[in-house]
Every structure is written in C-alpha cells, then in structure tokens.
C-alpha cells in the first residue's frame, strides 16, 4: 500500500503502517509484521502480513 509522507523512524514506522491498514480495511483485516519502505517523492510503501482466520466449520 502506497501512502503519503516519509517513513518515520522505528518503532513508529510499524505503527504508521498498522494504522494505514486499519483505516483502509477496518478491523476485519489483521495486519502483522509491518514494514515501512521509502518510495518516490514524499511517499512510502507499507507492507504487512495479513493474518486470515480459517472459516468456521460447516454445520451439518
């Protein structure tokens, strides 16, 4: 995900990316291990692992 602004210094960089994912996708997605990478101009790229819950078991 590309965002405006530069990456802050650690550990704030991970929190900036976590907030960006929550703002865009809400609490339904669960980001983890976020990295903030510089991009062109005054932008940065947030890369996070998304933790997916398995679907609930089927009822018979």
Protein backbone atom coordinates (compact mmCIF):
# COMPACT_ATOMS: atom_id res chain seq x y z
CA UNK A 1 0.00 0.00 0.00
CA UNK A 2 1.45 3.39 -1.01
CA UNK A 3 0.86 6.30 1.37
CA UNK A 4 1.77 9.98 1.53
CA UNK A 5 4.68 11.11 3.67
CA UNK A 6 8.01 9.61 4.61
CA UNK A 7 8.63 6.63 6.89
CA UNK A 8 9.17 7.65 10.49
CA UNK A 9 11.98 6.11 12.49
CA UNK A 10 11.47 2.74 14.19
CA UNK A 11 9.35 1.76 16.11
CA UNK A 12 6.85 4.39 14.89
CA UNK A 13 7.16 3.10 11.29
CA UNK A 14 5.34 -0.14 12.10
CA UNK A 15 2.53 1.74 13.87
CA UNK A 16 2.07 4.13 10.91
CA UNK A 17 1.58 1.13 8.61
CA UNK A 18 -0.73 -0.65 11.07
CA UNK A 19 -2.89 2.47 11.26
CA UNK A 20 -2.96 2.79 7.45
CA UNK A 21 -4.21 -0.80 7.09
CA UNK A 22 -6.85 -0.37 9.83
CA UNK A 23 -8.02 2.92 8.30
CA UNK A 24 -8.39 1.34 4.86
CA UNK A 25 -9.72 -2.13 5.70
CA UNK A 26 -11.08 -1.81 9.23
CA UNK A 27 -10.71 -4.42 11.95
CA UNK A 28 -11.78 -7.22 9.61
CA UNK A 29 -8.15 -7.49 8.43
CA UNK A 30 -5.41 -8.28 10.90
CA UNK A 31 -2.03 -6.85 9.79
CA UNK A 32 1.18 -8.10 11.37
CA UNK A 33 4.94 -7.70 10.75
CA UNK A 34 4.53 -4.34 9.03
CA UNK A 35 7.42 -2.69 7.22
CA UNK A 36 7.65 0.89 6.02
CA UNK A 37 9.79 1.40 2.89
CA UNK A 38 10.68 4.71 1.24
CA UNK A 39 9.18 5.28 -2.20
CA UNK A 40 9.39 8.03 -4.80
CA UNK A 41 8.99 11.65 -3.78
CA UNK A 42 7.20 12.14 -0.49
CA UNK A 43 5.57 8.73 -0.33
CA UNK A 44 6.22 5.46 1.45
CA UNK A 45 5.14 1.86 0.96
CA UNK A 46 3.60 -0.14 3.79
CA UNK A 47 3.95 -3.89 3.57
CA UNK A 48 2.20 -6.08 6.15
CA UNK A 49 1.34 -9.74 6.52
CA UNK A 50 -2.43 -10.19 6.75
CA UNK A 51 -3.49 -12.86 9.23
CA UNK A 52 -6.55 -14.71 7.95
CA UNK A 53 -8.76 -16.71 10.25
CA UNK A 54 -9.87 -20.08 8.92
CA UNK A 55 -13.56 -20.28 8.04
CA UNK A 56 -15.84 -21.69 10.74
CA UNK A 57 -16.65 -25.42 10.49
CA UNK A 58 -19.67 -26.33 8.41
CA UNK A 59 -22.75 -27.28 10.35
CA UNK A 60 -24.48 -30.48 9.33
